[in-house]
Amino acid sequence: MDSNPRTLTFFINDKEQPNYISNLPDTIRFWVNILTEGSSFKLLQFERLLRPAAKHGPQSKELKWGEHWFTGDIIFSDSDSESDPSTPDSDD
């Protein structure tokens, strides 16, 4: 990623999703947690674009890397730890 700040926008069936992540570090890892039995997840494409394809319209919500993200009782970030959120866990 060469843009600054680095952002990650999710698309499902070519439709931009409302939440996006900004201020990403140079390297990142993906983890997926499936909550509903019978659900699945497949990453079909991962691209580094020269120009952004995302529009981030008025319904979009920016989630900043390293901050706590809450929706109801669900925590979307594990940055509760004392470690730097951009540094991978050492027990991997």
C-alpha atoms as a PDB file:
ATOM      1  CA  MET A   1       0.000   0.000   0.000  1.00  0.00           C
ATOM      2  CA  ASP A   2       1.478   3.295  -1.047  1.00  0.00           C
ATOM      3  CA  SER A   3      -1.341   5.664  -0.086  1.00  0.00           C
ATOM      4  CA  ASN A   4      -1.230   7.593   3.146  1.00  0.00           C
ATOM      5  CA  PRO A   5      -3.113   6.967   5.285  1.00  0.00           C
ATOM      6  CA  ARG A   6      -3.428   3.333   4.259  1.00  0.00           C
ATOM      7  CA  THR A   7      -7.049   2.195   4.158  1.00  0.00           C
ATOM      8  CA  LEU A   8      -8.824  -1.128   3.791  1.00  0.00           C
ATOM      9  CA  THR A   9     -12.307  -1.177   2.274  1.00  0.00           C
ATOM     10  CA  PHE A  10     -14.391  -4.344   2.020  1.00  0.00           C
ATOM     11  CA  PHE A  11     -16.499  -5.178  -1.034  1.00  0.00           C
ATOM     12  CA  ILE A  12     -19.090  -7.962  -1.228  1.00  0.00           C
ATOM     13  CA  ASN A  13     -20.213  -8.852  -4.757  1.00  0.00           C
ATOM     14  CA  ASP A  14     -18.588  -5.594  -5.961  1.00  0.00           C
ATOM     15  CA  LYS A  15     -20.668  -3.562  -3.478  1.00  0.00           C
ATOM     16  CA  GLU A  16     -18.681  -1.326  -1.135  1.00  0.00           C
ATOM     17  CA  GLN A  17     -19.404  -2.079   2.523  1.00  0.00           C
ATOM     18  CA  PRO A  18     -20.056   0.854   4.873  1.00  0.00           C
ATOM     19  CA  ASN A  19     -17.216   0.302   7.367  1.00  0.00           C
ATOM     20  CA  TYR A  20     -13.596   0.795   6.386  1.00  0.00           C
ATOM     21  CA  ILE A  21     -10.303   0.723   8.278  1.00  0.00           C
ATOM     22  CA  SER A  22      -7.786   3.577   8.148  1.00  0.00           C
ATOM     23  CA  ASN A  23      -4.225   4.166   9.381  1.00  0.00           C
ATOM     24  CA  LEU A  24      -3.092   0.600   8.632  1.00  0.00           C
ATOM     25  CA  PRO A  25       0.551  -0.283   9.363  1.00  0.00           C
ATOM     26  CA  ASP A  26       2.917  -1.394   6.579  1.00  0.00           C
ATOM     27  CA  THR A  27       2.137  -5.074   7.172  1.00  0.00           C
ATOM     28  CA  ILE A  28      -1.113  -6.646   8.375  1.00  0.00           C
ATOM     29  CA  ARG A  29      -2.595 -10.099   9.058  1.00  0.00           C
ATOM     30  CA  PHE A  30      -6.184 -11.226   8.620  1.00  0.00           C
ATOM     31  CA  TRP A  31      -8.181 -13.276  11.106  1.00  0.00           C
ATOM     32  CA  VAL A  32     -11.776 -14.299  10.555  1.00  0.00           C
ATOM     33  CA  ASN A  33     -14.219 -15.378  13.235  1.00  0.00           C
ATOM     34  CA  ILE A  34     -17.383 -17.100  12.005  1.00  0.00           C
ATOM     35  CA  LEU A  35     -20.165 -16.791  14.589  1.00  0.00           C
ATOM     36  CA  THR A  36     -23.074 -18.554  12.872  1.00  0.00           C
ATOM     37  CA  GLU A  37     -23.008 -22.314  12.330  1.00  0.00           C
ATOM     38  CA  GLY A  38     -22.988 -23.161   8.628  1.00  0.00           C
ATOM     39  CA  SER A  39     -21.565 -19.773   7.635  1.00  0.00           C
ATOM     40  CA  SER A  40     -18.417 -19.488   5.562  1.00  0.00           C
ATOM     41  CA  PHE A  41     -15.868 -16.934   4.471  1.00  0.00           C
ATOM     42  CA  LYS A  42     -13.782 -16.880   1.319  1.00  0.00           C
ATOM     43  CA  LEU A  43     -11.278 -14.229   0.326  1.00  0.00           C
ATOM     44  CA  LEU A  44     -11.469 -14.134  -3.463  1.00  0.00           C
ATOM     45  CA  GLN A  45      -9.241 -11.202  -4.198  1.00  0.00           C
ATOM     46  CA  PHE A  46      -6.669  -9.066  -2.424  1.00  0.00           C
ATOM     47  CA  GLU A  47      -5.385  -6.102  -4.397  1.00  0.00           C
ATOM     48  CA  ARG A  48      -3.001  -3.228  -3.971  1.00  0.00           C
ATOM     49  CA  LEU A  49      -4.511  -0.445  -6.063  1.00  0.00           C
ATOM     50  CA  LEU A  50      -2.708   2.520  -7.579  1.00  0.00           C
ATOM     51  CA  ARG A  51      -5.885   4.597  -7.194  1.00  0.00           C
ATOM     52  CA  PRO A  52      -8.635   4.070  -4.619  1.00  0.00           C
ATOM     53  CA  ALA A  53     -11.818   2.349  -5.826  1.00  0.00           C
ATOM     54  CA  ALA A  54     -13.760   3.112  -2.635  1.00  0.00           C
ATOM     55  CA  LYS A  55     -16.072   6.120  -2.387  1.00  0.00           C
ATOM     56  CA  HIS A  56     -16.624   6.180   1.424  1.00  0.00           C
ATOM     57  CA  GLY A  57     -19.996   7.879   1.127  1.00  0.00           C
ATOM     58  CA  PRO A  58     -22.086   9.544   3.848  1.00  0.00           C
ATOM     59  CA  GLN A  59     -23.197   6.173   5.312  1.00  0.00           C
ATOM     60  CA  SER A  60     -19.586   4.976   5.681  1.00  0.00           C
ATOM     61  CA  LYS A  61     -17.896   4.698   9.051  1.00  0.00           C
ATOM     62  CA  GLU A  62     -14.144   5.001   9.524  1.00  0.00           C
ATOM     63  CA  LEU A  63     -12.582   2.565  11.998  1.00  0.00           C
ATOM     64  CA  LYS A  64      -9.060   3.645  12.944  1.00  0.00           C
ATOM     65  CA  TRP A  65      -6.384   0.976  13.336  1.00  0.00           C
ATOM     66  CA  GLY A  66      -5.367   0.477  16.965  1.00  0.00           C
ATOM     67  CA  GLU A  67      -8.562   1.890  18.472  1.00  0.00           C
ATOM     68  CA  HIS A  68     -11.328  -0.132  20.148  1.00  0.00           C
ATOM     69  CA  TRP A  69     -14.281  -0.780  17.847  1.00  0.00           C
ATOM     70  CA  PHE A  70     -17.588  -1.571  19.550  1.00  0.00           C
ATOM     71  CA  THR A  71     -21.004  -2.488  18.190  1.00  0.00           C
ATOM     72  CA  GLY A  72     -23.269  -3.447  21.036  1.00  0.00           C
ATOM     73  CA  ASP A  73     -21.435  -6.132  22.990  1.00  0.00           C
ATOM     74  CA  ILE A  74     -19.087  -7.117  20.159  1.00  0.00           C
ATOM     75  CA  ILE A  75     -15.483  -5.932  20.203  1.00  0.00           C
ATOM     76  CA  PHE A  76     -13.966  -5.702  16.728  1.00  0.00           C
ATOM     77  CA  SER A  77     -10.391  -5.044  17.891  1.00  0.00           C
ATOM     78  CA  ASP A  78      -8.193  -6.968  20.289  1.00  0.00           C
ATOM     79  CA  SER A  79      -6.091  -3.918  21.078  1.00  0.00           C
ATOM     80  CA  ASP A  80      -7.054  -4.358  24.758  1.00  0.00           C
ATOM     81  CA  SER A  81      -3.590  -5.859  25.162  1.00  0.00           C
ATOM     82  CA  GLU A  82      -0.702  -3.723  26.303  1.00  0.00           C
ATOM     83  CA  SER A  83       1.240  -4.477  23.110  1.00  0.00           C
ATOM     84  CA  ASP A  84       1.469  -2.285  20.034  1.00  0.00           C
ATOM     85  CA  PRO A  85      -1.565  -3.197  17.837  1.00  0.00           C
ATOM     86  CA  SER A  86       0.590  -3.011  14.706  1.00  0.00           C
ATOM     87  CA  THR A  87       2.978  -5.655  16.072  1.00  0.00           C
ATOM     88  CA  PRO A  88       1.992  -9.327  15.608  1.00  0.00           C
ATOM     89  CA  ASP A  89       1.556 -11.394  18.776  1.00  0.00           C
ATOM     90  CA  SER A  90       4.697 -13.300  19.716  1.00  0.00           C
ATOM     91  CA  ASP A  91       2.828 -16.512  20.607  1.00  0.00           C
ATOM     92  CA  ASP A  92       1.782 -17.260  16.996  1.00  0.00           C
END
